[in-house]
Amino acid sequence: MTFEKVKETIVATVNCDEEKVVLEAKLKEDLGLDSLDAVELNMALEEAFDISISDEDLMKFVSVKDIVDFVDSNK
């Protein structure tokens, strides 16, 4: 399932609590991501899923669900 792999990638990259990473979690407000975290997460997601994520698309990610939906539509 895409969500599980996205969750693993977020936890490994951003060092946040695994329990906090749910579909509804907001990246900035709930998980505490800053711009540097976002760039690192972007690279990790690109590598994990073998996809390309533009800076434009990266800026649209507000929640974990946004990432999962993007990955699902770009596999």
PDB file of N, CA and C in Angstrom:
ATOM      1  N   MET A   1       0.838  -1.198   0.000  1.00  0.00           N
ATOM      2  CA  MET A   1       0.000   0.000   0.000  1.00  0.00           C
ATOM      3  C   MET A   1       0.876   1.253   0.000  1.00  0.00           C
ATOM      4  N   THR A   2       0.511   2.205  -0.800  1.00  0.00           N
ATOM      5  CA  THR A   2       1.295   3.431  -0.943  1.00  0.00           C
ATOM      6  C   THR A   2       1.451   4.159   0.387  1.00  0.00           C
ATOM      7  N   PHE A   3       0.371   4.254   1.148  1.00  0.00           N
ATOM      8  CA  PHE A   3       0.433   4.991   2.410  1.00  0.00           C
ATOM      9  C   PHE A   3       1.529   4.460   3.327  1.00  0.00           C
ATOM     10  N   GLU A   4       1.634   3.137   3.453  1.00  0.00           N
ATOM     11  CA  GLU A   4       2.637   2.550   4.354  1.00  0.00           C
ATOM     12  C   GLU A   4       4.055   2.952   3.950  1.00  0.00           C
ATOM     13  N   LYS A   5       4.325   2.931   2.639  1.00  0.00           N
ATOM     14  CA  LYS A   5       5.665   3.286   2.164  1.00  0.00           C
ATOM     15  C   LYS A   5       5.924   4.785   2.328  1.00  0.00           C
ATOM     16  N   VAL A   6       4.899   5.605   2.086  1.00  0.00           N
ATOM     17  CA  VAL A   6       5.030   7.051   2.306  1.00  0.00           C
ATOM     18  C   VAL A   6       5.303   7.310   3.785  1.00  0.00           C
ATOM     19  N   LYS A   7       4.557   6.636   4.651  1.00  0.00           N
ATOM     20  CA  LYS A   7       4.721   6.785   6.102  1.00  0.00           C
ATOM     21  C   LYS A   7       6.146   6.424   6.521  1.00  0.00           C
ATOM     22  N   GLU A   8       6.636   5.279   6.052  1.00  0.00           N
ATOM     23  CA  GLU A   8       8.012   4.858   6.358  1.00  0.00           C
ATOM     24  C   GLU A   8       9.008   5.921   5.920  1.00  0.00           C
ATOM     25  N   THR A   9       8.808   6.454   4.725  1.00  0.00           N
ATOM     26  CA  THR A   9       9.724   7.454   4.177  1.00  0.00           C
ATOM     27  C   THR A   9       9.702   8.733   5.005  1.00  0.00           C
ATOM     28  N   ILE A  10       8.513   9.162   5.409  1.00  0.00           N
ATOM     29  CA  ILE A  10       8.396  10.371   6.240  1.00  0.00           C
ATOM     30  C   ILE A  10       9.084  10.167   7.580  1.00  0.00           C
ATOM     31  N   VAL A  11       8.813   9.056   8.233  1.00  0.00           N
ATOM     32  CA  VAL A  11       9.399   8.789   9.555  1.00  0.00           C
ATOM     33  C   VAL A  11      10.921   8.728   9.458  1.00  0.00           C
ATOM     34  N   ALA A  12      11.440   8.058   8.430  1.00  0.00           N
ATOM     35  CA  ALA A  12      12.892   7.920   8.271  1.00  0.00           C
ATOM     36  C   ALA A  12      13.567   9.244   7.923  1.00  0.00           C
ATOM     37  N   THR A  13      12.872  10.079   7.183  1.00  0.00           N
ATOM     38  CA  THR A  13      13.472  11.324   6.688  1.00  0.00           C
ATOM     39  C   THR A  13      13.347  12.472   7.678  1.00  0.00           C
ATOM     40  N   VAL A  14      12.190  12.580   8.320  1.00  0.00           N
ATOM     41  CA  VAL A  14      11.891  13.756   9.133  1.00  0.00           C
ATOM     42  C   VAL A  14      12.020  13.497  10.633  1.00  0.00           C
ATOM     43  N   ASN A  15      12.176  12.245  11.020  1.00  0.00           N
ATOM     44  CA  ASN A  15      12.298  11.896  12.440  1.00  0.00           C
ATOM     45  C   ASN A  15      11.109  12.360  13.268  1.00  0.00           C
ATOM     46  N   CYS A  16       9.911  12.079  12.788  1.00  0.00           N
ATOM     47  CA  CYS A  16       8.725  12.399  13.578  1.00  0.00           C
ATOM     48  C   CYS A  16       8.147  11.087  14.111  1.00  0.00           C
ATOM     49  N   ASP A  17       7.256  11.211  15.078  1.00  0.00           N
ATOM     50  CA  ASP A  17       6.639  10.023  15.661  1.00  0.00           C
ATOM     51  C   ASP A  17       5.784   9.308  14.633  1.00  0.00           C
ATOM     52  N   GLU A  18       5.956   7.997  14.556  1.00  0.00           N
ATOM     53  CA  GLU A  18       5.212   7.191  13.596  1.00  0.00           C
ATOM     54  C   GLU A  18       3.707   7.326  13.794  1.00  0.00           C
ATOM     55  N   GLU A  19       3.276   7.449  15.056  1.00  0.00           N
ATOM     56  CA  GLU A  19       1.849   7.544  15.362  1.00  0.00           C
ATOM     57  C   GLU A  19       1.225   8.820  14.779  1.00  0.00           C
ATOM     58  N   LYS A  20       2.046   9.865  14.594  1.00  0.00           N
ATOM     59  CA  LYS A  20       1.531  11.140  14.085  1.00  0.00           C
ATOM     60  C   LYS A  20       1.290  11.098  12.575  1.00  0.00           C
ATOM     61  N   VAL A  21       1.925  10.153  11.896  1.00  0.00           N
ATOM     62  CA  VAL A  21       1.827  10.101  10.437  1.00  0.00           C
ATOM     63  C   VAL A  21       0.567   9.327  10.038  1.00  0.00           C
ATOM     64  N   VAL A  22      -0.506  10.077   9.856  1.00  0.00           N
ATOM     65  CA  VAL A  22      -1.790   9.539   9.400  1.00  0.00           C
ATOM     66  C   VAL A  22      -2.185  10.326   8.156  1.00  0.00           C
ATOM     67  N   LEU A  23      -3.123   9.807   7.391  1.00  0.00           N
ATOM     68  CA  LEU A  23      -3.504  10.470   6.139  1.00  0.00           C
ATOM     69  C   LEU A  23      -3.898  11.929   6.342  1.00  0.00           C
ATOM     70  N   GLU A  24      -4.593  12.219   7.440  1.00  0.00           N
ATOM     71  CA  GLU A  24      -5.097  13.574   7.679  1.00  0.00           C
ATOM     72  C   GLU A  24      -4.042  14.525   8.219  1.00  0.00           C
ATOM     73  N   ALA A  25      -2.879  14.025   8.599  1.00  0.00           N
ATOM     74  CA  ALA A  25      -1.857  14.862   9.228  1.00  0.00           C
ATOM     75  C   ALA A  25      -1.365  15.944   8.279  1.00  0.00           C
ATOM     76  N   LYS A  26      -1.342  17.177   8.779  1.00  0.00           N
ATOM     77  CA  LYS A  26      -0.800  18.300   8.024  1.00  0.00           C
ATOM     78  C   LYS A  26       0.724  18.288   8.183  1.00  0.00           C
ATOM     79  N   LEU A  27       1.431  18.466   7.066  1.00  0.00           N
ATOM     80  CA  LEU A  27       2.883  18.344   7.087  1.00  0.00           C
ATOM     81  C   LEU A  27       3.547  19.384   7.992  1.00  0.00           C
ATOM     82  N   LYS A  28       3.134  20.639   7.891  1.00  0.00           N
ATOM     83  CA  LYS A  28       3.749  21.689   8.704  1.00  0.00           C
ATOM     84  C   LYS A  28       3.199  21.699  10.125  1.00  0.00           C
ATOM     85  N   GLU A  29       1.871  21.779  10.243  1.00  0.00           N
ATOM     86  CA  GLU A  29       1.252  21.951  11.551  1.00  0.00           C
ATOM     87  C   GLU A  29       1.387  20.717  12.444  1.00  0.00           C
ATOM     88  N   ASP A  30       1.101  19.535  11.890  1.00  0.00           N
ATOM     89  CA  ASP A  30       1.079  18.322  12.711  1.00  0.00           C
ATOM     90  C   ASP A  30       2.431  17.616  12.801  1.00  0.00           C
ATOM     91  N   LEU A  31       3.190  17.649  11.702  1.00  0.00           N
ATOM     92  CA  LEU A  31       4.457  16.905  11.679  1.00  0.00           C
ATOM     93  C   LEU A  31       5.679  17.802  11.834  1.00  0.00           C
ATOM     94  N   GLY A  32       5.472  19.113  11.776  1.00  0.00           N
ATOM     95  CA  GLY A  32       6.562  20.053  12.032  1.00  0.00           C
ATOM     96  C   GLY A  32       7.577  20.184  10.911  1.00  0.00           C
ATOM     97  N   LEU A  33       7.180  19.889   9.671  1.00  0.00           N
ATOM     98  CA  LEU A  33       8.116  20.019   8.559  1.00  0.00           C
ATOM     99  C   LEU A  33       8.414  21.477   8.256  1.00  0.00           C
ATOM    100  N   ASP A  34       9.693  21.774   8.023  1.00  0.00           N
ATOM    101  CA  ASP A  34      10.076  23.091   7.531  1.00  0.00           C
ATOM    102  C   ASP A  34      10.527  22.927   6.080  1.00  0.00           C
ATOM    103  N   SER A  35      11.001  23.982   5.467  1.00  0.00           N
ATOM    104  CA  SER A  35      11.327  23.923   4.040  1.00  0.00           C
ATOM    105  C   SER A  35      12.471  22.949   3.753  1.00  0.00           C
ATOM    106  N   LEU A  36      13.450  22.872   4.650  1.00  0.00           N
ATOM    107  CA  LEU A  36      14.559  21.933   4.459  1.00  0.00           C
ATOM    108  C   LEU A  36      14.066  20.489   4.555  1.00  0.00           C
ATOM    109  N   ASP A  37      13.193  20.222   5.533  1.00  0.00           N
ATOM    110  CA  ASP A  37      12.589  18.884   5.656  1.00  0.00           C
ATOM    111  C   ASP A  37      11.836  18.518   4.381  1.00  0.00           C
ATOM    112  N   ALA A  38      11.120  19.494   3.825  1.00  0.00           N
ATOM    113  CA  ALA A  38      10.327  19.246   2.617  1.00  0.00           C
ATOM    114  C   ALA A  38      11.223  18.840   1.452  1.00  0.00           C
ATOM    115  N   VAL A  39      12.348  19.511   1.301  1.00  0.00           N
ATOM    116  CA  VAL A  39      13.282  19.184   0.221  1.00  0.00           C
ATOM    117  C   VAL A  39      13.860  17.782   0.431  1.00  0.00           C
ATOM    118  N   GLU A  40      14.252  17.473   1.662  1.00  0.00           N
ATOM    119  CA  GLU A  40      14.795  16.144   1.966  1.00  0.00           C
ATOM    120  C   GLU A  40      13.741  15.063   1.739  1.00  0.00           C
ATOM    121  N   LEU A  41      12.524  15.338   2.160  1.00  0.00           N
ATOM    122  CA  LEU A  41      11.437  14.380   1.967  1.00  0.00           C
ATOM    123  C   LEU A  41      11.161  14.189   0.480  1.00  0.00           C
ATOM    124  N   ASN A  42      11.183  15.276  -0.267  1.00  0.00           N
ATOM    125  CA  ASN A  42      10.974  15.206  -1.708  1.00  0.00           C
ATOM    126  C   ASN A  42      11.983  14.250  -2.351  1.00  0.00           C
ATOM    127  N   MET A  43      13.254  14.408  -2.013  1.00  0.00           N
ATOM    128  CA  MET A  43      14.294  13.541  -2.588  1.00  0.00           C
ATOM    129  C   MET A  43      14.085  12.088  -2.173  1.00  0.00           C
ATOM    130  N   ALA A  44      13.711  11.881  -0.925  1.00  0.00           N
ATOM    131  CA  ALA A  44      13.493  10.520  -0.427  1.00  0.00           C
ATOM    132  C   ALA A  44      12.298   9.866  -1.126  1.00  0.00           C
ATOM    133  N   LEU A  45      11.238  10.633  -1.337  1.00  0.00           N
ATOM    134  CA  LEU A  45      10.050  10.104  -2.023  1.00  0.00           C
ATOM    135  C   LEU A  45      10.366   9.780  -3.481  1.00  0.00           C
ATOM    136  N   GLU A  46      11.128  10.661  -4.135  1.00  0.00           N
ATOM    137  CA  GLU A  46      11.504  10.411  -5.529  1.00  0.00           C
ATOM    138  C   GLU A  46      12.287   9.105  -5.644  1.00  0.00           C
ATOM    139  N   GLU A  47      13.190   8.900  -4.704  1.00  0.00           N
ATOM    140  CA  GLU A  47      13.998   7.682  -4.716  1.00  0.00           C
ATOM    141  C   GLU A  47      13.158   6.448  -4.366  1.00  0.00           C
ATOM    142  N   ALA A  48      12.317   6.557  -3.361  1.00  0.00           N
ATOM    143  CA  ALA A  48      11.525   5.413  -2.895  1.00  0.00           C
ATOM    144  C   ALA A  48      10.529   4.934  -3.946  1.00  0.00           C
ATOM    145  N   PHE A  49       9.958   5.884  -4.690  1.00  0.00           N
ATOM    146  CA  PHE A  49       8.900   5.525  -5.643  1.00  0.00           C
ATOM    147  C   PHE A  49       9.335   5.641  -7.102  1.00  0.00           C
ATOM    148  N   ASP A  50      10.591   6.041  -7.329  1.00  0.00           N
ATOM    149  CA  ASP A  50      11.130   6.201  -8.684  1.00  0.00           C
ATOM    150  C   ASP A  50      10.232   7.117  -9.522  1.00  0.00           C
ATOM    151  N   ILE A  51       9.923   8.286  -8.938  1.00  0.00           N
ATOM    152  CA  ILE A  51       9.107   9.297  -9.622  1.00  0.00           C
ATOM    153  C   ILE A  51       9.831  10.632  -9.526  1.00  0.00           C
ATOM    154  N   SER A  52       9.337  11.608 -10.245  1.00  0.00           N
ATOM    155  CA  SER A  52       9.882  12.957 -10.182  1.00  0.00           C
ATOM    156  C   SER A  52       8.804  13.883  -9.611  1.00  0.00           C
ATOM    157  N   ILE A  53       9.205  14.702  -8.647  1.00  0.00           N
ATOM    158  CA  ILE A  53       8.270  15.642  -8.024  1.00  0.00           C
ATOM    159  C   ILE A  53       8.816  17.047  -8.232  1.00  0.00           C
ATOM    160  N   SER A  54       8.095  17.855  -8.992  1.00  0.00           N
ATOM    161  CA  SER A  54       8.548  19.223  -9.261  1.00  0.00           C
ATOM    162  C   SER A  54       8.390  20.079  -8.006  1.00  0.00           C
ATOM    163  N   ASP A  55       9.109  21.198  -7.985  1.00  0.00           N
ATOM    164  CA  ASP A  55       8.981  22.128  -6.860  1.00  0.00           C
ATOM    165  C   ASP A  55       7.542  22.634  -6.751  1.00  0.00           C
ATOM    166  N   GLU A  56       6.902  22.832  -7.911  1.00  0.00           N
ATOM    167  CA  GLU A  56       5.508  23.270  -7.939  1.00  0.00           C
ATOM    168  C   GLU A  56       4.599  22.265  -7.233  1.00  0.00           C
ATOM    169  N   ASP A  57       4.784  20.994  -7.576  1.00  0.00           N
ATOM    170  CA  ASP A  57       3.975  19.946  -6.943  1.00  0.00           C
ATOM    171  C   ASP A  57       4.285  19.843  -5.452  1.00  0.00           C
ATOM    172  N   LEU A  58       5.550  19.956  -5.113  1.00  0.00           N
ATOM    173  CA  LEU A  58       5.971  19.871  -3.711  1.00  0.00           C
ATOM    174  C   LEU A  58       5.254  20.923  -2.870  1.00  0.00           C
ATOM    175  N   MET A  59       5.099  22.120  -3.408  1.00  0.00           N
ATOM    176  CA  MET A  59       4.458  23.201  -2.663  1.00  0.00           C
ATOM    177  C   MET A  59       2.962  22.943  -2.446  1.00  0.00           C
ATOM    178  N   LYS A  60       2.366  22.056  -3.239  1.00  0.00           N
ATOM    179  CA  LYS A  60       0.938  21.743  -3.113  1.00  0.00           C
ATOM    180  C   LYS A  60       0.656  20.733  -2.005  1.00  0.00           C
ATOM    181  N   PHE A  61       1.693  20.055  -1.531  1.00  0.00           N
ATOM    182  CA  PHE A  61       1.491  19.044  -0.493  1.00  0.00           C
ATOM    183  C   PHE A  61       1.217  19.724   0.841  1.00  0.00           C
ATOM    184  N   VAL A  62      -0.006  19.521   1.347  1.00  0.00           N
ATOM    185  CA  VAL A  62      -0.383  20.088   2.641  1.00  0.00           C
ATOM    186  C   VAL A  62      -0.495  18.971   3.669  1.00  0.00           C
ATOM    187  N   SER A  63      -1.021  17.822   3.230  1.00  0.00           N
ATOM    188  CA  SER A  63      -1.218  16.696   4.146  1.00  0.00           C
ATOM    189  C   SER A  63      -0.533  15.447   3.609  1.00  0.00           C
ATOM    190  N   VAL A  64      -0.453  14.438   4.449  1.00  0.00           N
ATOM    191  CA  VAL A  64       0.109  13.154   4.042  1.00  0.00           C
ATOM    192  C   VAL A  64      -0.716  12.584   2.886  1.00  0.00           C
ATOM    193  N   LYS A  65      -2.029  12.765   2.942  1.00  0.00           N
ATOM    194  CA  LYS A  65      -2.911  12.266   1.869  1.00  0.00           C
ATOM    195  C   LYS A  65      -2.546  12.882   0.523  1.00  0.00           C
ATOM    196  N   ASP A  66      -2.160  14.155   0.508  1.00  0.00           N
ATOM    197  CA  ASP A  66      -1.754  14.800  -0.745  1.00  0.00           C
ATOM    198  C   ASP A  66      -0.571  14.067  -1.370  1.00  0.00           C
ATOM    199  N   ILE A  67       0.371  13.657  -0.545  1.00  0.00           N
ATOM    200  CA  ILE A  67       1.539  12.923  -1.038  1.00  0.00           C
ATOM    201  C   ILE A  67       1.123  11.569  -1.589  1.00  0.00           C
ATOM    202  N   VAL A  68       0.298  10.839  -0.820  1.00  0.00           N
ATOM    203  CA  VAL A  68      -0.155   9.518  -1.244  1.00  0.00           C
ATOM    204  C   VAL A  68      -0.908   9.607  -2.569  1.00  0.00           C
ATOM    205  N   ASP A  69      -1.807  10.589  -2.698  1.00  0.00           N
ATOM    206  CA  ASP A  69      -2.566  10.758  -3.931  1.00  0.00           C
ATOM    207  C   ASP A  69      -1.642  11.069  -5.104  1.00  0.00           C
ATOM    208  N   PHE A  70      -0.647  11.928  -4.869  1.00  0.00           N
ATOM    209  CA  PHE A  70       0.298  12.281  -5.935  1.00  0.00           C
ATOM    210  C   PHE A  70       1.085  11.038  -6.383  1.00  0.00           C
ATOM    211  N   VAL A  71       1.587  10.286  -5.426  1.00  0.00           N
ATOM    212  CA  VAL A  71       2.365   9.076  -5.758  1.00  0.00           C
ATOM    213  C   VAL A  71       1.502   8.099  -6.535  1.00  0.00           C
ATOM    214  N   ASP A  72       0.282   7.882  -6.071  1.00  0.00           N
ATOM    215  CA  ASP A  72      -0.623   6.943  -6.755  1.00  0.00           C
ATOM    216  C   ASP A  72      -0.895   7.372  -8.196  1.00  0.00           C
ATOM    217  N   SER A  73      -1.023   8.646  -8.430  1.00  0.00           N
ATOM    218  CA  SER A  73      -1.333   9.112  -9.788  1.00  0.00           C
ATOM    219  C   SER A  73      -0.108   9.253 -10.678  1.00  0.00           C
ATOM    220  N   ASN A  74       1.099   9.088 -10.111  1.00  0.00           N
ATOM    221  CA  ASN A  74       2.327   9.269 -10.897  1.00  0.00           C
ATOM    222  C   ASN A  74       3.223   8.038 -10.938  1.00  0.00           C
ATOM    223  N   LYS A  75       2.704   6.900 -10.506  1.00  0.00           N
ATOM    224  CA  LYS A  75       3.517   5.683 -10.531  1.00  0.00           C
ATOM    225  C   LYS A  75       3.696   5.194 -11.943  1.00  0.00           C
TER     226      LYS A  75
END
